[in-house]
């Protein structure tokens, strides 16, 4: 799934949640209105019969508003796009019903803006204009009622539609401002993501050898220092691997072939170490390994397996020839420091070179030893 598709699906999901919240708010408005009507009838002067109040003012309008809200919920669940329009149709009917039932309260005309203000959540101009048009149409229908018009002065006849239009204009300004703010936030987020990616790439380039894709000399020493610091709780082993006769490969087959061999040896090393081990190109044709979570015997078997597999690998760039490596290996033990441990392993490596190459040395002896703790 592409990033844009994921963002679109996430946006639709959030809109669905907001529609649900608005519909819940409609139910709250219906309940509060019904409660207010009931309390007003009980404690205030209401010049209607109980039958007329309970049936025509309380029950039937409440049932009608509840039915239209329930219908809007069903439509939204089945048809998301239609659900948006049903949401605002329901809001318009609720607001106009409340106005019609309470038109003796002059401020109640403010309910006209309820659906219009709700539309701003979706940052959709079409929904805002649709909601405003519904309210104007509903207001026109209400004005056909003589009893409703009797409570309106000439000023009200002009002021209420004008109030609705100005409210719609304000809603549209809020919508535009919100869209611009959202666009700025998205641009800032994308810029931040790009910066994070660039920083990650720069860190990777600064800590990775470009040819072998192993850690480079600098990052190896950072890991090495940490390994020394935590050696008491996380024992480790240091190995140095050097390609035998690498200069002759460069001289005979060219540096391009030499680079291919280096990359291939690095790949072999990377494939045979554990997920917590550290491999680095230490310099030239030399590699350094930090081996964790292994006994000395397991570490020895790891580097020996690398050496043996390389000695069996034929390279067509070398006309079918093989490449061998010499290895020095030693475990960290106190009170060694990092320089002392490195010197010991480096000495083992040169012992392997002097004793015939293509071998692993773990002590000052010039011949390969069986795996044993140093």
Protein backbone atom coordinates (compact mmCIF):
# COMPACT_ATOMS: atom_id res chain seq x y z
CA UNK A 1 0.00 0.00 0.00
CA UNK A 2 1.38 3.40 -0.95
CA UNK A 3 1.89 6.24 1.49
CA UNK A 4 -0.79 8.35 -0.24
CA UNK A 5 -3.32 5.50 -0.10
CA UNK A 6 -2.58 4.98 3.60
CA UNK A 7 -3.03 8.73 4.27
CA UNK A 8 -6.34 8.75 2.36
CA UNK A 9 -7.65 5.73 4.27
CA UNK A 10 -6.58 7.31 7.56
CA UNK A 11 -8.33 10.58 6.62
CA UNK A 12 -11.57 8.71 5.78
CA UNK A 13 -11.38 6.82 9.08
CA UNK A 14 -11.01 10.08 11.02
CA UNK A 15 -13.95 11.64 9.14
CA UNK A 16 -16.06 8.59 10.00
CA UNK A 17 -15.23 9.11 13.68
CA UNK A 18 -16.21 12.78 13.53
CA UNK A 19 -19.51 11.99 11.82
CA UNK A 20 -20.21 9.50 14.60
CA UNK A 21 -19.39 12.14 17.24
CA UNK A 22 -21.72 14.71 15.61
CA UNK A 23 -24.53 12.16 15.43
CA UNK A 24 -24.03 11.42 19.13
CA UNK A 25 -24.20 15.19 19.74
CA UNK A 26 -27.53 15.25 17.87
CA UNK A 27 -28.89 12.63 20.28
CA UNK A 28 -27.70 14.74 23.21
CA UNK A 29 -29.37 17.85 21.75
CA UNK A 30 -32.63 15.94 21.28
CA UNK A 31 -32.49 14.62 24.85
CA UNK A 32 -31.63 18.02 26.35
CA UNK A 33 -34.36 19.72 24.32
CA UNK A 34 -36.94 17.15 25.43
CA UNK A 35 -35.88 17.53 29.06
CA UNK A 36 -35.99 21.33 28.84
CA UNK A 37 -39.48 21.21 27.31
CA UNK A 38 -40.69 18.88 30.04
CA UNK A 39 -39.26 21.01 32.86
CA UNK A 40 -40.65 24.17 31.29
CA UNK A 41 -44.13 22.65 31.15
CA UNK A 42 -43.95 21.50 34.76
CA UNK A 43 -42.54 24.66 36.32
CA UNK A 44 -43.34 27.49 33.89
CA UNK A 45 -46.54 28.84 32.43
CA UNK A 46 -47.45 26.76 29.37
CA UNK A 47 -50.83 27.67 27.85
CA UNK A 48 -51.57 24.31 26.23
CA UNK A 49 -53.43 21.23 27.33
CA UNK A 50 -51.47 18.26 28.68
CA UNK A 51 -52.57 16.18 25.69
CA UNK A 52 -51.36 18.76 23.20
CA UNK A 53 -48.07 19.23 25.05
CA UNK A 54 -47.17 15.58 25.56
CA UNK A 55 -48.24 14.47 22.07
CA UNK A 56 -47.64 17.42 19.74
CA UNK A 57 -44.84 19.31 21.48
CA UNK A 58 -42.89 16.60 23.30
CA UNK A 59 -43.48 13.11 21.89
CA UNK A 60 -44.03 13.54 18.14
CA UNK A 61 -41.22 16.11 17.51
CA UNK A 62 -38.80 14.09 19.67
CA UNK A 63 -39.66 10.90 17.80
CA UNK A 64 -39.30 12.68 14.45
CA UNK A 65 -35.90 14.13 15.34
CA UNK A 66 -34.77 10.75 16.71
CA UNK A 67 -35.97 8.95 13.57
CA UNK A 68 -34.12 11.30 11.22
CA UNK A 69 -30.94 10.97 13.32
CA UNK A 70 -31.24 7.18 13.29
CA UNK A 71 -31.76 7.23 9.51
CA UNK A 72 -28.64 9.40 9.13
CA UNK A 73 -26.65 6.86 11.16
CA UNK A 74 -27.86 3.96 9.01
CA UNK A 75 -27.09 5.81 5.77
CA UNK A 76 -23.61 6.73 6.99
CA UNK A 77 -22.81 3.13 7.87
CA UNK A 78 -23.88 1.87 4.45
CA UNK A 79 -22.96 4.78 2.19
CA UNK A 80 -20.16 6.97 3.54
CA UNK A 81 -20.50 9.76 0.96
CA UNK A 82 -24.30 9.88 1.28
CA UNK A 83 -23.82 9.76 5.03
CA UNK A 84 -22.21 13.22 5.03
CA UNK A 85 -25.24 14.79 3.36
CA UNK A 86 -27.69 12.86 5.53
CA UNK A 87 -25.77 14.17 8.56
CA UNK A 88 -26.44 17.79 7.60
CA UNK A 89 -30.01 17.12 6.49
CA UNK A 90 -30.66 15.61 9.92
CA UNK A 91 -28.97 18.57 11.62
CA UNK A 92 -31.08 21.02 9.64
CA UNK A 93 -34.32 19.22 10.49
CA UNK A 94 -33.38 19.10 14.19
CA UNK A 95 -32.44 22.79 14.35
CA UNK A 96 -35.53 23.89 12.39
CA UNK A 97 -37.80 21.70 14.53
CA UNK A 98 -36.40 23.19 17.73
CA UNK A 99 -36.81 26.72 16.31
CA UNK A 100 -40.40 25.99 15.26
CA UNK A 101 -41.27 24.62 18.71
CA UNK A 102 -39.66 27.57 20.53
CA UNK A 103 -40.10 30.50 18.14
CA UNK A 104 -41.28 32.64 21.03
CA UNK A 105 -37.66 32.62 22.22
CA UNK A 106 -35.97 35.18 19.97
CA UNK A 107 -32.43 33.86 20.44
CA UNK A 108 -33.48 30.38 19.30
CA UNK A 109 -32.85 31.40 15.68
CA UNK A 110 -29.16 30.89 16.45
CA UNK A 111 -29.86 27.16 16.09
CA UNK A 112 -29.77 27.76 12.34
CA UNK A 113 -25.99 27.84 12.52
CA UNK A 114 -25.70 24.44 14.24
CA UNK A 115 -25.27 22.35 11.05
CA UNK A 116 -23.26 25.09 9.34
CA UNK A 117 -20.70 25.22 12.14
CA UNK A 118 -20.59 21.40 12.23
CA UNK A 119 -19.56 21.36 8.55
CA UNK A 120 -16.28 23.17 9.29
CA UNK A 121 -14.89 19.99 10.86
CA UNK A 122 -14.64 18.37 7.42
CA UNK A 123 -12.92 21.32 5.66
CA UNK A 124 -15.27 20.89 2.72
CA UNK A 125 -16.68 24.01 1.07
CA UNK A 126 -19.41 22.04 -0.69
CA UNK A 127 -20.72 20.64 2.59
CA UNK A 128 -20.73 24.09 4.19
CA UNK A 129 -22.69 25.64 1.31
CA UNK A 130 -25.04 22.64 1.21
CA UNK A 131 -25.77 23.03 4.93
CA UNK A 132 -26.33 26.78 4.62
CA UNK A 133 -28.67 26.27 1.66
CA UNK A 134 -30.68 23.75 3.66
CA UNK A 135 -31.04 26.20 6.52
CA UNK A 136 -32.20 29.00 4.21
CA UNK A 137 -34.68 26.64 2.58
CA UNK A 138 -35.95 25.49 5.96
CA UNK A 139 -36.25 29.08 7.18
CA UNK A 140 -38.33 29.86 4.12
CA UNK A 141 -40.62 26.93 4.89
CA UNK A 142 -40.99 28.08 8.51
CA UNK A 143 -41.98 31.57 7.35
CA UNK A 144 -44.97 30.04 5.55
CA UNK A 145 -46.37 29.36 9.03
CA UNK A 146 -48.47 32.39 10.05
CA UNK A 147 -47.98 31.74 13.78
CA UNK A 148 -44.20 31.67 13.29
CA UNK A 149 -44.29 34.91 11.27
CA UNK A 150 -46.36 36.58 13.98
CA UNK A 151 -43.36 36.47 16.30
CA UNK A 152 -41.07 38.04 13.72
CA UNK A 153 -40.74 41.75 13.19
CA UNK A 154 -39.75 43.30 9.89
CA UNK A 155 -36.24 43.61 11.26
CA UNK A 156 -36.23 39.87 12.11
CA UNK A 157 -37.30 38.97 8.58
CA UNK A 158 -34.13 40.64 7.28
CA UNK A 159 -31.78 40.03 10.21
CA UNK A 160 -32.22 36.24 10.55
CA UNK A 161 -31.31 35.38 6.91
CA UNK A 162 -28.50 37.94 7.06
CA UNK A 163 -27.30 36.40 10.34
CA UNK A 164 -27.28 32.96 8.65
CA UNK A 165 -25.33 34.29 5.65
CA UNK A 166 -22.77 36.04 7.84
CA UNK A 167 -22.40 32.90 9.95
CA UNK A 168 -21.81 30.89 6.78
CA UNK A 169 -19.19 33.42 5.64
CA UNK A 170 -17.45 33.18 9.04
CA UNK A 171 -17.57 29.37 8.85
CA UNK A 172 -16.01 29.47 5.39
CA UNK A 173 -13.21 31.75 6.65
CA UNK A 174 -12.56 29.35 9.52
CA UNK A 175 -12.53 26.47 7.04
CA UNK A 176 -10.00 28.19 4.77
CA UNK A 177 -7.82 29.14 7.74
CA UNK A 178 -7.96 25.56 9.04
CA UNK A 179 -7.02 24.16 5.62
CA UNK A 180 -4.05 26.53 5.39
CA UNK A 181 -2.95 25.59 8.89
CA UNK A 182 -3.33 21.90 8.07
CA UNK A 183 -1.33 22.38 4.87
CA UNK A 184 1.42 24.18 6.80
CA UNK A 185 1.50 21.40 9.41
CA UNK A 186 1.72 18.76 6.69
CA UNK A 187 4.53 20.65 4.97
CA UNK A 188 6.37 20.98 8.28
CA UNK A 189 5.87 17.28 9.02
CA UNK A 190 7.12 16.27 5.56
CA UNK A 191 10.13 18.56 5.95
CA UNK A 192 10.84 17.04 9.37
CA UNK A 193 10.53 13.53 7.95
CA UNK A 194 12.88 14.42 5.10
CA UNK A 195 15.35 15.85 7.62
CA UNK A 196 15.17 12.69 9.74
CA UNK A 197 15.76 10.54 6.66
CA UNK A 198 18.67 12.73 5.53
CA UNK A 199 20.20 12.59 9.01
CA UNK A 200 19.79 8.82 9.10
CA UNK A 201 21.45 8.54 5.69
CA UNK A 202 24.27 10.83 6.80
CA UNK A 203 24.80 8.77 9.96
CA UNK A 204 24.79 5.59 7.89
CA UNK A 205 27.26 7.06 5.41
CA UNK A 206 29.46 8.28 8.25
CA UNK A 207 29.49 4.89 10.01
CA UNK A 208 29.41 2.46 7.08
CA UNK A 209 32.09 1.45 4.62
CA UNK A 210 30.74 2.24 1.16
CA UNK A 211 32.34 -0.76 -0.57
CA UNK A 212 31.57 -3.58 1.89
CA UNK A 213 28.53 -2.09 3.69
CA UNK A 214 30.12 -3.12 6.99
CA UNK A 215 30.88 -0.72 9.82
CA UNK A 216 33.86 1.49 9.12
CA UNK A 217 36.99 2.06 11.20
CA UNK A 218 35.47 4.90 13.27
CA UNK A 219 32.19 3.17 14.12
CA UNK A 220 34.04 -0.05 14.97
CA UNK A 221 36.06 1.73 17.66
CA UNK A 222 32.85 3.19 19.11
CA UNK A 223 31.37 -0.31 19.42
CA UNK A 224 34.71 -1.62 20.69
CA UNK A 225 34.81 0.99 23.46
CA UNK A 226 31.25 0.13 24.52
CA UNK A 227 32.12 -3.58 24.50
CA UNK A 228 35.04 -2.90 26.87
CA UNK A 229 32.81 -0.82 29.17
CA UNK A 230 30.17 -3.56 29.46
CA UNK A 231 32.49 -6.56 29.27
CA UNK A 232 31.78 -7.57 32.87
CA UNK A 233 28.14 -8.28 32.05
CA UNK A 234 28.46 -8.98 28.30
CA UNK A 235 31.64 -10.96 27.53
CA UNK A 236 32.97 -10.71 23.99
CA UNK A 237 35.70 -11.92 21.66
CA UNK A 238 37.78 -9.90 19.20
CA UNK A 239 38.84 -11.31 15.83
CA UNK A 240 40.93 -9.74 13.08
CA UNK A 241 40.66 -11.18 9.55
CA UNK A 242 43.11 -10.33 6.78
CA UNK A 243 42.89 -11.43 3.14
CA UNK A 244 46.01 -13.37 2.16
CA UNK A 245 48.11 -12.08 -0.74
CA UNK A 246 45.65 -9.30 -1.50
CA UNK A 247 48.32 -7.06 -3.02
CA UNK A 248 49.05 -9.69 -5.66
CA UNK A 249 45.34 -9.82 -6.52
CA UNK A 250 45.33 -6.07 -7.14
CA UNK A 251 48.58 -6.24 -9.09
CA UNK A 252 47.53 -9.21 -11.23
CA UNK A 253 43.82 -8.57 -11.78
CA UNK A 254 43.37 -4.87 -11.07
CA UNK A 255 41.85 -2.83 -8.27
CA UNK A 256 38.34 -3.30 -9.62
CA UNK A 257 38.67 -7.06 -9.11
CA UNK A 258 40.20 -6.38 -5.71
CA UNK A 259 37.11 -4.40 -4.75
CA UNK A 260 34.85 -7.25 -5.87
CA UNK A 261 36.82 -9.70 -3.72
CA UNK A 262 36.64 -7.36 -0.72
CA UNK A 263 32.88 -7.03 -1.08
CA UNK A 264 32.49 -10.80 -1.45
CA UNK A 265 34.57 -11.55 1.63
CA UNK A 266 32.54 -8.96 3.58
CA UNK A 267 29.32 -10.63 2.43
CA UNK A 268 30.60 -14.00 3.61
CA UNK A 269 31.50 -12.53 7.01
CA UNK A 270 28.13 -10.83 7.36
CA UNK A 271 26.29 -14.06 6.50
CA UNK A 272 28.08 -16.13 9.12
CA UNK A 273 27.99 -13.93 12.22
CA UNK A 274 25.14 -13.54 14.70
CA UNK A 275 22.59 -10.70 14.79
CA UNK A 276 24.32 -9.13 17.82
CA UNK A 277 27.85 -9.38 16.44
CA UNK A 278 29.68 -6.42 14.93
CA UNK A 279 31.66 -6.66 11.69
CA UNK A 280 33.76 -3.83 10.29
CA UNK A 281 36.19 -3.16 7.51
CA UNK A 282 39.10 -2.05 9.64
CA UNK A 283 41.28 -0.88 6.79
CA UNK A 284 42.44 -2.06 3.37
CA UNK A 285 41.92 -5.83 3.23
CA UNK A 286 41.55 -6.23 7.01
CA UNK A 287 38.29 -6.87 8.88
CA UNK A 288 37.50 -6.73 12.61
CA UNK A 289 34.81 -8.70 14.43
CA UNK A 290 33.28 -8.29 17.87
CA UNK A 291 31.55 -11.55 18.78
CA UNK A 292 28.97 -11.48 21.59
CA UNK A 293 26.77 -14.07 23.34
CA UNK A 294 29.16 -16.90 22.47
CA UNK A 295 31.57 -19.10 24.36
CA UNK A 296 35.17 -19.01 23.18
CA UNK A 297 34.62 -22.34 21.41
CA UNK A 298 31.59 -20.95 19.56
CA UNK A 299 33.50 -17.82 18.55
CA UNK A 300 36.36 -19.99 17.28
CA UNK A 301 33.96 -22.15 15.27
CA UNK A 302 32.38 -19.01 13.77
CA UNK A 303 35.63 -17.57 12.42
CA UNK A 304 36.86 -21.00 11.36
CA UNK A 305 33.68 -21.54 9.38
CA UNK A 306 34.20 -18.20 7.64
CA UNK A 307 37.79 -19.13 6.82
CA UNK A 308 36.87 -22.60 5.53
CA UNK A 309 33.98 -21.37 3.39
CA UNK A 310 36.14 -18.69 1.80
CA UNK A 311 38.87 -21.22 1.00
CA UNK A 312 36.30 -23.31 -0.92
CA UNK A 313 34.82 -20.40 -2.88
CA UNK A 314 36.10 -20.09 -6.46
CA UNK A 315 36.05 -16.64 -8.07
CA UNK A 316 35.59 -16.35 -11.82
CA UNK A 317 37.28 -12.93 -11.65
CA UNK A 318 40.42 -14.83 -10.56
CA UNK A 319 39.98 -17.43 -13.33
CA UNK A 320 38.55 -19.90 -10.84
CA UNK A 321 41.10 -19.19 -8.14
CA UNK A 322 40.30 -19.02 -4.44
CA UNK A 323 40.97 -16.42 -1.77
CA UNK A 324 42.09 -17.34 1.72
CA UNK A 325 42.21 -15.38 4.95
CA UNK A 326 44.30 -15.42 8.10
CA UNK A 327 42.61 -14.82 11.44
CA UNK A 328 43.62 -13.84 14.96
CA UNK A 329 41.17 -14.40 17.82
CA UNK A 330 41.18 -13.68 21.54
CA UNK A 331 38.60 -13.21 24.31
CA UNK A 332 38.50 -10.10 26.43
CA UNK A 333 39.63 -10.68 30.01
CA UNK A 334 40.38 -8.20 32.76
CA UNK A 335 42.59 -6.30 33.31
CA UNK A 336 43.19 -5.89 29.55
CA UNK A 337 42.36 -2.55 28.03
CA UNK A 338 41.26 -2.06 24.42
CA UNK A 339 44.77 -1.34 23.13
CA UNK A 340 46.25 -4.39 24.84
CA UNK A 341 43.54 -6.73 23.56
CA UNK A 342 43.92 -5.37 20.04
CA UNK A 343 47.71 -5.84 20.15
CA UNK A 344 47.27 -9.45 21.29
CA UNK A 345 44.84 -10.26 18.45
CA UNK A 346 46.98 -8.38 15.94
CA UNK A 347 49.95 -10.49 17.06
CA UNK A 348 47.89 -13.67 16.53
CA UNK A 349 46.98 -12.47 13.03
CA UNK A 350 50.61 -11.93 12.06
CA UNK A 351 51.49 -15.30 13.57
CA UNK A 352 48.90 -16.85 11.24
CA UNK A 353 50.48 -14.97 8.31
CA UNK A 354 54.01 -16.10 9.19
CA UNK A 355 52.98 -19.71 9.77
CA UNK A 356 51.60 -20.28 6.28
CA UNK A 357 48.38 -18.21 6.10
CA UNK A 358 44.83 -19.57 5.69
CA UNK A 359 44.53 -20.36 9.36
CA UNK A 360 43.19 -19.11 12.69
CA UNK A 361 45.61 -18.50 15.55
CA UNK A 362 44.49 -18.00 19.11
CA UNK A 363 47.86 -17.96 20.87
CA UNK A 364 51.45 -17.04 20.09
CA UNK A 365 51.99 -20.44 18.51
CA UNK A 366 52.53 -20.35 14.77
CA UNK A 367 50.12 -23.15 13.98
CA UNK A 368 46.34 -23.28 14.33
CA UNK A 369 45.12 -24.51 17.69
CA UNK A 370 42.12 -26.44 18.74
CA UNK A 371 39.44 -24.21 20.18
CA UNK A 372 40.14 -23.51 23.80
CA UNK A 373 39.76 -20.68 26.25
CA UNK A 374 42.77 -18.40 26.26
